[in-house]
Protein backbone atom coordinates (compact mmCIF):
# COMPACT_ATOMS: atom_id res chain seq x y z
CA MET A 1 77.23 -38.29 117.70
CA PRO A 2 80.91 -39.33 117.92
CA SER A 3 82.62 -38.22 121.11
CA THR A 4 85.82 -36.24 121.46
CA VAL A 5 88.80 -38.43 122.32
CA PRO A 6 91.95 -36.83 123.76
CA PRO A 7 94.82 -37.08 121.23
CA ALA A 8 96.83 -39.22 123.64
CA GLU A 9 94.00 -41.78 123.73
CA SER A 10 93.31 -41.91 119.99
CA VAL A 11 94.77 -44.76 117.93
CA GLY A 12 95.98 -43.03 114.76
CA PRO A 13 96.62 -46.16 112.64
CA LEU A 14 93.10 -47.40 113.43
CA GLU A 15 91.61 -44.07 112.32
CA ARG A 16 93.61 -44.13 109.10
CA GLY A 17 92.81 -47.77 108.42
CA LEU A 18 89.08 -47.16 108.76
CA THR A 19 89.42 -44.13 106.49
CA VAL A 20 90.92 -46.36 103.78
CA LEU A 21 88.22 -49.00 104.26
CA ARG A 22 85.53 -46.36 103.88
CA ALA A 23 87.11 -45.14 100.65
CA LEU A 24 87.18 -48.69 99.29
CA SER A 25 83.54 -49.18 100.31
CA VAL A 26 81.97 -46.12 98.63
CA PRO A 27 78.91 -47.28 96.63
CA GLY A 28 79.31 -46.75 92.90
CA ALA A 29 83.11 -46.63 92.99
CA ASP A 30 85.21 -49.08 90.99
CA ASP A 31 85.62 -52.52 92.53
CA ARG A 32 89.40 -52.11 92.32
CA MET A 33 91.18 -48.92 93.33
CA ARG A 34 94.75 -47.96 92.68
CA HIS A 35 96.87 -47.03 95.65
CA SER A 36 97.27 -43.58 94.10
CA ASP A 37 93.48 -43.17 93.98
CA LEU A 38 93.29 -43.98 97.68
CA VAL A 39 95.89 -41.31 98.36
CA ARG A 40 93.73 -38.73 96.59
CA SER A 41 90.42 -39.81 98.12
CA THR A 42 91.68 -40.10 101.71
CA GLY A 43 94.27 -37.32 101.82
CA LEU A 44 96.74 -39.73 103.42
CA ALA A 45 100.39 -40.04 102.44
CA ARG A 46 101.29 -42.76 99.94
CA SER A 47 103.49 -44.52 102.50
CA THR A 48 100.57 -44.56 104.97
CA VAL A 49 98.16 -45.95 102.38
CA ASP A 50 100.66 -48.65 101.43
CA ARG A 51 101.09 -49.73 105.06
CA VAL A 52 97.34 -49.75 105.68
CA VAL A 53 96.69 -51.79 102.53
CA SER A 54 99.53 -54.19 103.42
CA THR A 55 97.97 -54.71 106.85
CA LEU A 56 94.46 -55.23 105.47
CA ASP A 57 95.84 -57.70 102.93
CA ARG A 58 97.66 -59.64 105.65
CA LEU A 59 94.47 -59.76 107.71
CA GLY A 60 92.51 -61.07 104.71
CA LEU A 61 90.18 -58.05 104.67
CA ALA A 62 91.43 -56.71 101.32
CA ARG A 63 93.50 -57.99 98.42
CA SER A 64 96.31 -56.05 96.80
CA ASP A 65 98.79 -56.76 94.03
CA GLY A 66 100.90 -53.74 94.96
CA ARG A 67 99.12 -51.41 92.52
CA GLU A 68 95.41 -52.07 92.97
CA VAL A 69 93.36 -53.11 95.96
CA THR A 70 89.88 -54.56 96.37
CA LEU A 71 87.78 -55.60 99.34
CA ALA A 72 87.87 -59.26 100.35
CA PRO A 73 84.80 -61.20 101.54
CA ARG A 74 86.30 -61.69 104.98
CA LEU A 75 85.79 -57.97 105.62
CA MET A 76 82.11 -58.87 105.98
CA GLU A 77 83.02 -60.14 109.46
CA LEU A 78 82.96 -56.52 110.64
CA PRO A 79 79.47 -55.51 109.43
CA GLY A 80 78.48 -59.08 110.24
CA ALA A 81 79.43 -58.38 113.84
CA TYR A 82 76.85 -55.59 113.96
CA LEU A 83 74.19 -57.72 112.25
CA ALA A 84 74.82 -60.52 114.75
CA ALA A 85 74.78 -58.16 117.72
CA CYS A 86 71.56 -56.40 116.76
CA GLY A 87 69.87 -59.76 116.16
CA ILE A 88 67.47 -58.44 113.51
CA PRO A 89 68.35 -60.73 110.56
CA ALA A 90 68.20 -63.81 112.80
CA ALA A 91 64.94 -62.75 114.43
CA PHE A 92 63.07 -61.53 111.35
CA GLY A 93 64.54 -63.35 108.35
CA THR A 94 61.87 -66.05 108.14
CA ALA A 95 59.05 -63.64 108.99
CA ALA A 96 60.17 -61.18 106.31
CA GLU A 97 60.18 -63.93 103.68
CA ARG A 98 56.70 -64.99 104.79
CA LEU A 99 55.37 -61.43 104.54
CA ALA A 100 57.01 -60.91 101.15
CA ASP A 101 55.33 -64.07 99.86
CA GLU A 102 51.99 -63.04 101.37
CA PHE A 103 52.03 -59.54 99.86
CA ASP A 104 54.06 -60.44 96.76
CA GLU A 105 56.08 -57.31 97.47
CA SER A 106 59.57 -56.54 98.77
CA VAL A 107 59.94 -56.37 102.55
CA SER A 108 62.81 -54.64 104.32
CA VAL A 109 63.92 -53.84 107.85
CA ALA A 110 65.83 -50.64 108.61
CA VAL A 111 67.51 -49.14 111.66
CA PRO A 112 68.27 -45.49 112.49
CA ASP A 113 71.78 -44.15 111.94
CA ASP A 114 71.62 -41.19 114.29
CA GLY A 115 75.12 -40.00 113.46
CA VAL A 116 73.91 -38.70 110.08
CA ALA A 117 70.14 -38.53 110.70
CA GLY A 118 69.79 -41.40 108.25
CA VAL A 119 68.39 -44.89 107.81
CA ARG A 120 70.31 -48.11 107.09
CA PHE A 121 68.89 -51.36 105.75
CA VAL A 122 69.74 -54.51 107.70
CA LEU A 123 67.40 -57.00 106.03
CA GLN A 124 65.94 -57.28 102.53
CA THR A 125 63.59 -59.80 100.96
CA THR A 126 62.96 -58.77 97.37
CA ARG A 127 60.66 -59.86 94.58
CA GLN A 128 62.27 -60.68 91.25
CA ARG A 129 60.70 -58.23 88.80
CA THR A 130 61.88 -55.99 86.00
CA MET A 131 61.31 -53.06 88.35
CA SER A 132 62.36 -54.18 91.80
CA LEU A 133 63.96 -52.76 94.91
CA ALA A 134 67.70 -52.32 94.39
CA PHE A 135 68.85 -51.34 97.90
CA ARG A 136 71.46 -53.50 99.60
CA ILE A 137 72.19 -54.38 103.20
CA GLY A 138 74.04 -51.42 104.71
CA ASP A 139 72.80 -48.82 102.22
CA LEU A 140 72.21 -45.40 103.78
CA LEU A 141 69.22 -43.13 103.04
CA PRO A 142 68.34 -39.66 104.33
CA ALA A 143 65.67 -39.93 107.02
CA GLU A 144 63.42 -37.42 105.25
CA ARG A 145 63.29 -39.46 102.03
CA CYS A 146 61.93 -42.80 103.25
CA ALA A 147 59.09 -44.16 105.35
CA PRO A 148 61.21 -45.50 108.26
CA GLY A 149 62.92 -42.12 108.60
CA ALA A 150 59.72 -40.40 109.71
CA LEU A 151 59.17 -43.08 112.37
CA PHE A 152 62.69 -42.68 113.72
CA ALA A 153 62.54 -38.87 113.59
CA ALA A 154 59.41 -38.94 115.76
CA GLU A 155 61.70 -39.93 118.65
CA TRP A 156 64.61 -37.58 117.93
CA ASP A 157 65.83 -35.54 120.85
CA ALA A 158 67.33 -32.06 120.48
CA GLU A 159 70.68 -33.52 119.45
CA GLY A 160 69.07 -35.63 116.73
CA ARG A 161 67.24 -32.65 115.29
CA ARG A 162 70.41 -30.59 115.36
CA THR A 163 72.25 -33.32 113.46
CA TRP A 164 69.51 -33.39 110.85
CA ARG A 165 69.45 -29.63 110.41
CA GLU A 166 73.24 -29.45 110.11
CA ARG A 167 73.25 -32.21 107.51
CA GLN A 168 70.51 -30.49 105.49
CA ALA A 169 72.39 -27.20 105.63
CA THR A 170 75.65 -28.73 104.37
CA ASP A 171 74.05 -31.10 101.82
CA PRO A 172 70.63 -29.72 100.83
CA LEU A 173 70.41 -31.87 97.65
CA ASP A 174 71.50 -35.16 99.28
CA ALA A 175 74.57 -35.37 97.05
CA GLY A 176 76.41 -37.16 99.84
CA PHE A 177 74.05 -40.16 99.71
CA ALA A 178 75.33 -42.44 96.96
CA THR A 179 72.31 -44.76 97.03
CA VAL A 180 69.62 -42.19 96.18
CA PRO A 181 69.38 -39.79 93.23
CA PRO A 182 70.20 -36.20 94.24
CA LEU A 183 67.36 -33.74 94.55
CA ALA A 184 66.70 -31.05 91.96
CA ARG A 185 65.96 -28.61 94.77
CA PRO A 186 66.04 -28.73 98.57
CA GLN A 187 63.16 -30.49 100.29
CA ASP A 188 60.59 -28.60 102.32
CA SER A 189 61.60 -29.08 105.96
CA ASP A 190 58.10 -28.22 107.16
CA ALA A 191 56.64 -31.03 105.04
CA PHE A 192 58.98 -33.52 106.70
CA GLU A 193 58.07 -32.20 110.14
CA GLN A 194 54.40 -32.75 109.30
CA ARG A 195 55.08 -36.32 108.17
CA VAL A 196 57.02 -36.94 111.37
CA ALA A 197 54.13 -35.65 113.48
CA ARG A 198 51.64 -37.88 111.63
CA ALA A 199 53.91 -40.90 111.96
CA GLY A 200 54.23 -40.34 115.69
CA ALA A 201 50.49 -39.98 116.14
CA GLU A 202 49.32 -42.77 113.78
CA GLY A 203 52.04 -45.37 114.34
CA TRP A 204 52.94 -45.84 110.68
CA ALA A 205 54.57 -43.86 107.88
CA GLY A 206 54.39 -43.77 104.11
CA ASP A 207 56.81 -42.99 101.30
CA ASP A 208 55.00 -41.61 98.26
CA GLN A 209 57.83 -41.48 95.71
CA LEU A 210 60.19 -39.65 98.05
CA ILE A 211 63.22 -41.71 97.10
CA GLU A 212 62.53 -41.73 93.39
CA PRO A 213 59.51 -41.60 91.06
CA GLY A 214 57.46 -44.77 91.05
CA LEU A 215 58.47 -46.14 94.46
CA VAL A 216 55.95 -46.29 97.32
CA ALA A 217 56.31 -47.83 100.76
CA VAL A 218 54.50 -48.34 104.06
CA ALA A 219 56.43 -48.84 107.32
CA VAL A 220 55.58 -49.62 110.94
CA PRO A 221 57.90 -49.29 113.96
CA LEU A 222 59.07 -52.17 116.14
CA ARG A 223 59.72 -51.16 119.74
CA ASP A 224 61.49 -52.55 122.77
CA GLY A 225 59.96 -53.04 126.22
CA ALA A 226 60.56 -49.37 127.09
CA GLY A 227 58.65 -48.20 124.02
CA ARG A 228 61.70 -47.06 122.04
CA THR A 229 61.70 -47.70 118.30
CA LEU A 230 64.50 -50.12 117.46
CA CYS A 231 63.79 -50.66 113.76
CA ALA A 232 61.05 -50.39 111.16
CA VAL A 233 59.53 -52.95 108.80
CA SER A 234 58.63 -51.65 105.34
CA VAL A 235 56.67 -53.09 102.45
CA VAL A 236 57.81 -51.53 99.17
CA SER A 237 55.99 -51.49 95.86
CA HIS A 238 55.81 -49.64 92.54
CA THR A 239 53.14 -47.26 91.30
CA SER A 240 52.44 -49.68 88.46
CA ARG A 241 51.01 -51.97 91.15
CA HIS A 242 49.87 -49.66 93.95
CA THR A 243 49.25 -46.12 95.02
CA LEU A 244 50.33 -45.28 98.53
CA ASP A 245 46.70 -45.48 99.67
CA SER A 246 46.08 -48.88 98.10
CA LEU A 247 49.37 -50.23 99.48
CA ARG A 248 48.45 -48.97 102.95
CA ALA A 249 45.02 -50.56 102.74
CA THR A 250 46.57 -53.85 101.61
CA VAL A 251 49.49 -54.24 104.01
CA LEU A 252 49.01 -52.01 107.06
CA PRO A 253 46.40 -54.14 108.89
CA ARG A 254 48.58 -57.21 108.51
CA LEU A 255 51.76 -55.40 109.59
CA GLN A 256 50.01 -54.08 112.68
CA ALA A 257 48.67 -57.55 113.43
CA VAL A 258 52.11 -59.19 113.38
CA ARG A 259 53.97 -56.33 115.05
CA GLY A 260 53.64 -57.85 118.52
CA GLU A 261 54.96 -61.18 117.27
CA LEU A 262 57.96 -59.47 115.65
CA GLU A 263 58.72 -57.41 118.75
CA ALA A 264 58.60 -60.57 120.87
CA ALA A 265 61.02 -62.29 118.48
CA LEU A 266 63.44 -59.40 118.77
CA ALA A 267 63.21 -59.37 122.58
CA ALA A 268 63.67 -63.14 122.95
CA PRO A 269 67.01 -64.37 124.35
CA ARG A 270 69.47 -65.05 121.58
CA PRO A 271 72.06 -67.83 121.42
CA ALA A 272 75.72 -67.06 120.89
CA PRO A 273 76.42 -66.19 117.24
CA SER A 274 77.58 -68.90 114.88
CA GLY A 275 79.15 -68.74 111.44
CA ILE A 276 80.82 -65.36 112.01
CA THR A 277 84.23 -65.53 113.70
CA PRO A 278 85.39 -62.20 115.17
CA VAL A 279 88.54 -60.70 113.69
CA ARG A 280 90.76 -61.75 116.59
CA ASP A 281 94.15 -60.25 117.34
CA THR A 282 96.87 -62.12 115.45
CA SER A 283 99.01 -59.04 115.15
CA LEU A 284 102.17 -60.18 116.92
CA GLU A 285 102.90 -62.97 114.45
CA ALA A 286 102.12 -60.72 111.49
CA LYS A 287 104.30 -57.93 112.89
CA ARG A 288 107.23 -60.32 113.14
CA GLU A 289 106.63 -61.43 109.57
CA LEU A 290 106.08 -58.05 107.87
CA GLY A 291 107.91 -55.66 110.17
CA PRO A 292 107.11 -51.94 109.73
CA GLY A 293 104.77 -52.67 106.83
CA PHE A 294 102.23 -54.09 109.29
CA LEU A 295 100.20 -51.74 111.52
CA GLN A 296 99.68 -53.73 114.70
CA SER A 297 97.40 -51.16 116.33
CA LEU A 298 95.12 -51.21 113.25
CA ALA A 299 94.86 -54.99 113.47
CA ARG A 300 94.10 -54.81 117.18
CA GLY A 301 91.44 -52.14 116.71
CA LEU A 302 89.68 -54.20 114.04
CA ALA A 303 89.83 -57.22 116.35
CA VAL A 304 88.03 -55.16 118.99
CA LEU A 305 85.40 -54.09 116.46
CA GLY A 306 84.78 -57.68 115.40
CA ALA A 307 84.66 -58.98 118.97
CA LEU A 308 81.66 -56.76 119.77
CA GLY A 309 79.58 -59.05 117.56
CA ALA A 310 79.26 -61.32 120.61
CA ASP A 311 77.06 -58.64 122.25
CA ARG A 312 73.61 -60.13 122.82
CA GLY A 313 71.83 -56.80 123.08
CA GLU A 314 73.14 -55.38 126.34
CA GLY A 315 76.61 -54.32 125.23
CA MET A 316 79.97 -55.71 126.33
CA ALA A 317 82.07 -54.61 129.27
CA LEU A 318 85.69 -53.64 128.68
CA THR A 319 86.89 -56.78 130.44
CA ALA A 320 84.80 -58.97 128.12
CA VAL A 321 86.20 -57.22 125.04
CA ALA A 322 89.76 -57.63 126.29
CA ASP A 323 89.15 -61.31 127.03
CA ALA A 324 87.58 -61.91 123.61
CA THR A 325 90.54 -60.42 121.77
CA GLY A 326 93.37 -61.40 124.07
CA LEU A 327 94.39 -57.75 124.41
CA ALA A 328 95.36 -55.82 127.51
CA ARG A 329 92.52 -53.77 128.96
CA ALA A 330 94.33 -50.51 128.25
CA THR A 331 94.89 -51.48 124.60
CA ALA A 332 91.26 -52.52 124.15
CA ARG A 333 90.08 -49.32 125.84
CA ARG A 334 92.07 -47.07 123.49
CA SER A 335 90.63 -48.91 120.49
CA LEU A 336 87.10 -48.56 121.85
CA LEU A 337 87.54 -44.85 122.48
CA THR A 338 88.82 -44.36 118.93
CA LEU A 339 85.92 -46.36 117.49
CA GLU A 340 83.53 -44.27 119.58
CA GLN A 341 85.10 -41.09 118.24
CA MET A 342 84.58 -42.34 114.67
CA GLY A 343 80.94 -43.26 115.26
CA TYR A 344 81.22 -47.05 115.15
CA VAL A 345 80.51 -47.82 118.80
CA ALA A 346 78.70 -46.22 121.72
CA THR A 347 78.94 -46.64 125.47
CA ASP A 348 76.81 -45.96 128.52
CA GLY A 349 79.98 -45.66 130.59
CA ARG A 350 80.16 -49.36 131.44
CA ARG A 351 79.28 -51.33 128.34
CA TRP A 352 80.07 -50.90 124.65
CA ARG A 353 77.87 -51.67 121.68
CA LEU A 354 78.20 -51.47 117.92
CA LEU A 355 76.40 -48.78 115.92
CA PRO A 356 74.86 -49.16 112.44
CA ARG A 357 77.66 -47.12 110.88
CA VAL A 358 79.78 -50.31 110.92
CA LEU A 359 77.67 -51.38 107.92
CA GLU A 360 79.43 -48.79 105.77
CA LEU A 361 82.58 -50.94 105.89
CA GLY A 362 82.06 -52.86 102.67
CA CYS A 363 78.65 -54.34 103.46
CA ALA A 364 76.73 -52.94 100.50
CA ARG A 365 79.53 -53.74 98.05
CA LEU A 366 80.19 -57.25 99.33
CA SER A 367 76.46 -58.03 99.36
CA GLU A 368 76.54 -57.78 95.55
CA LEU A 369 79.10 -60.55 95.14
CA GLY A 370 77.97 -63.71 93.40
CA LEU A 371 79.48 -67.16 93.58
CA ALA A 372 81.71 -66.62 90.55
CA GLU A 373 83.11 -63.34 91.89
CA ILE A 374 83.86 -64.93 95.25
CA ALA A 375 85.64 -67.87 93.65
CA GLN A 376 87.61 -66.00 90.96
CA PRO A 377 90.62 -64.83 93.03
CA HIS A 378 90.93 -68.31 94.54
CA LEU A 379 90.96 -69.84 91.05
CA VAL A 380 93.73 -67.43 90.06
CA SER A 381 95.80 -68.54 93.07
CA LEU A 382 95.15 -72.20 92.29
CA VAL A 383 96.30 -71.82 88.67
CA ARG A 384 99.47 -70.06 89.79
CA ARG A 385 100.12 -72.92 92.19
CA VAL A 386 99.45 -75.94 89.98
CA HIS A 387 99.99 -74.44 86.48
CA GLU A 388 96.77 -76.01 85.18
CA SER A 389 93.45 -74.45 84.16
CA ALA A 390 90.84 -74.29 86.93
CA SER A 391 87.06 -73.97 86.73
CA LEU A 392 83.96 -73.66 88.88
CA THR A 393 80.61 -75.10 87.78
CA VAL A 394 77.07 -75.47 89.10
CA LEU A 395 74.43 -78.07 88.31
CA ASP A 396 71.89 -76.89 85.74
CA GLY A 397 69.35 -79.63 85.21
CA ALA A 398 71.24 -82.70 84.01
CA ASP A 399 74.17 -80.54 82.86
CA ILE A 400 77.00 -78.67 84.50
CA ARG A 401 77.39 -74.99 83.63
CA TYR A 402 80.68 -73.13 83.94
CA VAL A 403 80.37 -69.99 86.08
CA ALA A 404 84.06 -69.14 86.56
CA ARG A 405 87.24 -70.18 84.85
CA VAL A 406 90.93 -69.26 84.84
CA PRO A 407 92.92 -70.84 81.99
CA THR A 408 96.61 -71.52 82.04
CA VAL A 409 98.82 -70.52 79.13
CA ARG A 410 99.97 -73.45 77.06
CA ILE A 411 100.37 -74.26 73.36
CA MET A 412 97.87 -77.09 73.90
CA SER A 413 95.16 -76.14 76.40
CA VAL A 414 91.51 -76.89 77.19
CA ASN A 415 89.31 -74.32 75.44
CA ILE A 416 86.23 -73.74 77.64
CA THR A 417 84.45 -70.47 78.40
CA VAL A 418 82.05 -69.31 81.12
CA GLY A 419 78.53 -70.44 80.21
CA THR A 420 79.69 -73.68 78.57
CA ARG A 421 77.54 -76.68 79.40
CA PHE A 422 78.43 -80.39 79.46
CA PRO A 423 76.40 -83.45 80.50
CA ALA A 424 76.94 -84.04 84.21
CA TYR A 425 77.26 -87.83 83.98
CA ALA A 426 80.47 -87.67 81.91
CA THR A 427 82.35 -85.01 83.91
CA SER A 428 84.21 -85.02 87.21
CA MET A 429 82.42 -81.87 88.36
CA GLY A 430 79.05 -83.28 87.43
CA ARG A 431 79.70 -86.40 89.45
CA VAL A 432 80.63 -84.52 92.65
CA LEU A 433 77.60 -82.26 92.16
CA LEU A 434 75.31 -85.27 91.72
CA ALA A 435 76.99 -86.94 94.71
CA GLY A 436 76.07 -83.92 96.83
CA LEU A 437 72.35 -84.57 96.26
CA ASP A 438 70.12 -87.21 97.77
CA ALA A 439 69.14 -89.83 95.24
CA GLY A 440 65.59 -88.45 95.02
CA GLU A 441 66.87 -84.93 94.33
CA ARG A 442 69.06 -85.83 91.38
CA PRO A 443 67.83 -84.70 87.96
CA PRO A 444 66.57 -87.55 85.77
CA LEU A 445 69.07 -88.70 83.18
CA PRO A 446 68.14 -89.93 79.71
CA GLU A 447 67.35 -93.64 79.55
CA VAL A 448 70.07 -94.04 76.95
CA LEU A 449 73.25 -92.15 77.74
CA PRO A 450 75.38 -91.41 74.69
CA ALA A 451 79.00 -92.54 74.78
CA LEU A 452 80.99 -89.37 74.19
CA THR A 453 84.24 -91.34 73.89
CA ARG A 454 85.13 -95.02 73.97
CA ARG A 455 85.73 -94.64 77.74
CA THR A 456 82.43 -92.96 78.69
CA VAL A 457 80.49 -94.80 81.41
CA THR A 458 76.88 -95.11 80.23
CA ALA A 459 75.50 -98.03 82.25
CA PRO A 460 73.13 -96.60 84.92
CA GLY A 461 74.18 -99.13 87.56
CA GLU A 462 77.88 -98.48 87.13
CA LEU A 463 77.31 -94.73 87.01
CA GLY A 464 75.36 -94.95 90.27
CA ARG A 465 78.26 -96.78 91.94
CA ILE A 466 80.72 -94.16 90.68
CA ILE A 467 78.59 -91.32 92.08
CA LYS A 468 78.30 -93.14 95.41
CA ARG A 469 82.07 -93.51 95.53
CA ALA A 470 82.49 -89.81 94.71
CA ALA A 471 80.29 -88.99 97.70
CA ALA A 472 82.45 -91.18 99.95
CA ASP A 473 85.78 -89.94 98.56
CA ASP A 474 84.70 -86.27 98.31
CA PHE A 475 86.27 -86.01 94.85
CA ALA A 476 85.88 -87.47 91.37
CA LEU A 477 88.37 -88.16 88.59
CA VAL A 478 87.23 -88.64 85.00
CA ASP A 479 89.72 -90.11 82.56
CA GLU A 480 88.96 -89.35 78.89
CA GLU A 481 85.19 -89.87 79.24
CA LEU A 482 84.17 -86.42 78.04
CA GLU A 483 86.82 -86.04 75.36
CA GLU A 484 89.74 -88.17 74.19
CA GLY A 485 92.95 -87.01 75.82
CA LEU A 486 91.23 -84.95 78.56
CA ARG A 487 91.50 -85.86 82.23
CA SER A 488 89.71 -83.93 84.99
CA LEU A 489 89.78 -83.94 88.79
CA ALA A 490 87.04 -82.22 90.83
CA VAL A 491 86.04 -81.56 94.44
CA PRO A 492 82.77 -80.17 95.85
CA VAL A 493 82.32 -76.64 97.23
CA ARG A 494 79.86 -76.31 100.12
CA ASP A 495 77.97 -73.35 101.55
CA GLY A 496 77.65 -72.45 105.23
CA ARG A 497 74.94 -75.09 105.69
CA GLY A 498 77.11 -77.84 104.30
CA ARG A 499 75.21 -78.12 101.01
CA VAL A 500 77.17 -78.75 97.83
CA VAL A 501 76.59 -75.63 95.72
CA ALA A 502 79.41 -75.88 93.17
CA ALA A 503 82.26 -78.03 91.94
CA LEU A 504 85.89 -77.00 91.49
CA ASN A 505 88.20 -78.76 89.06
CA VAL A 506 91.49 -78.78 87.24
CA ALA A 507 91.89 -80.40 83.84
CA ARG A 508 94.97 -81.52 81.96
CA HIS A 509 95.95 -83.56 78.94
CA ALA A 510 96.15 -87.28 79.62
CA ALA A 511 99.73 -87.33 78.33
CA HIS A 512 100.85 -85.38 81.39
CA GLY A 513 101.19 -88.31 83.79
CA THR A 514 98.95 -91.06 85.13
CA PRO A 515 95.57 -90.65 86.87
CA GLU A 516 97.23 -91.54 90.20
CA GLU A 517 99.89 -88.87 89.65
CA MET A 518 97.15 -86.33 88.93
CA ARG A 519 95.28 -87.33 92.07
CA SER A 520 98.29 -87.20 94.38
CA GLY A 521 99.71 -84.06 92.81
CA LEU A 522 96.60 -81.91 92.52
CA LEU A 523 94.00 -83.10 95.03
CA PRO A 524 95.53 -81.36 98.09
CA ALA A 525 95.67 -78.01 96.27
CA LEU A 526 92.10 -78.46 95.01
CA ARG A 527 90.82 -79.19 98.50
CA GLU A 528 92.64 -76.23 100.03
CA THR A 529 91.20 -73.91 97.38
CA ALA A 530 87.69 -75.28 97.91
CA ALA A 531 88.10 -74.68 101.65
CA ALA A 532 89.12 -71.05 101.01
CA ILE A 533 86.05 -70.48 98.82
CA GLU A 534 83.86 -72.13 101.45
CA ALA A 535 85.27 -69.82 104.13
CA ASP A 536 84.22 -66.79 102.08
CA LEU A 537 80.78 -68.32 101.48
CA ARG A 538 80.32 -68.86 105.21
CA VAL A 539 81.15 -65.25 105.99
CA LEU A 540 78.84 -63.83 103.34
CA GLY A 541 76.10 -66.43 103.64
CA GLY A 542 76.01 -66.00 107.41
CA THR A 543 75.18 -62.32 107.07
CA ILE A 544 73.58 -61.31 103.82
CA GLY A 545 73.34 -64.47 101.71
CA VAL A 546 75.06 -65.18 98.44
CA ARG A 547 73.46 -65.24 95.00
């Protein structure tokens, strides 16, 4: 449970900033919220909300146009800090995929959130079916309505049971849990106690349609060297495929057989995290730039929260946190005490560690973002900068397919919509996408390539040289090969592993200057925009993956 922090020690702007982030992160709420809606949902003054949003926007954790605000992918650095510190996704990701393939069922890993007597998901490997598991990383479930909850409850102390009873008394129908349907009537507490006792005695727990009709699950605990349950691995199915008994008979022996291997993986020494950069303190520069509109203590508190991602399982001392953020020890300490009060960190008196509640800060919402949604705001900025239409495409067989597009307003403009397909060989985006593949990975092209215009390159040898040059140059320019009068410049977009996953381009009429003028005038802006998209992909891909 959160501790009580003396008022003199509490960092008010940090408390209010986290309150706003929670309001923006509520599952099921609109992706964009008006500032006035945040005032109503948080109870904060409009001036306070505006300053918080301005600070989050400056930090890159949210985006605001002055009226509406939405979460930005970089916010994932905060829940990503917890995921890196706990080590579960890194330790179990490959094993979970292997088990999911073996069982042909969804596999998840959950941790206890003792502050609300709940369960949070930290890893999901799903099967693509019409009826499939829809939970996201960070989603919160009541302990009594899922298989892992019974395993965690078997180790509750008196404080844990009190928390559970208080929560049941104040919310008997689970209306406060946005990720599960509310109950028609309160659950039988004695029935849960019986399930907890069985789970403790038998070493596994089942969910027979407790979350919703049709869903069944079997879970086993994973423990540390002292015998404490750290997390639980679940296999989830549907009653169209299994009863709880048949699912148990199918998966439980295998789960019990690999449990030792999984526990050893979790206990193994972990390297320093990569791909997730803590939200470091850059508040002094921003304060000089924005003045009173920037909440420096909020920025510093979030830097402290992000820095705890470097914890390798033993927590971080105050000195280490101060060193990681560049803050004075007293400043870091006040932030830590405030975060402890709000339930995001815990301490044993010497070291500090992140708690699963950090996952409520946008994790579930950001985990739903696809490539197009990540790129869209960057395309908007690019169009405002260069005053030309911008697009994002992916390779689909031997074609490119448009997944995001922002047109510019002109009397004569390029009319393309999302979903449009063009042959890759005759487009700038297709050429950088083909250049990003090894020769053996490239889709076969027709033996005879049609000339779409009098300029279209159709000779395989020449086309191969052009693609090789695009790989060396890291861009491609196509001059009236797809359509007379249309010129296009494209650069690749890479994921966190360096793989080319998309192409970004701008297109203009050939009458608007020479190819060299297009290259010199637009290539820097294209590359900067691609780098911004790639930064978002690294943050999201390093934690929850991107569709």
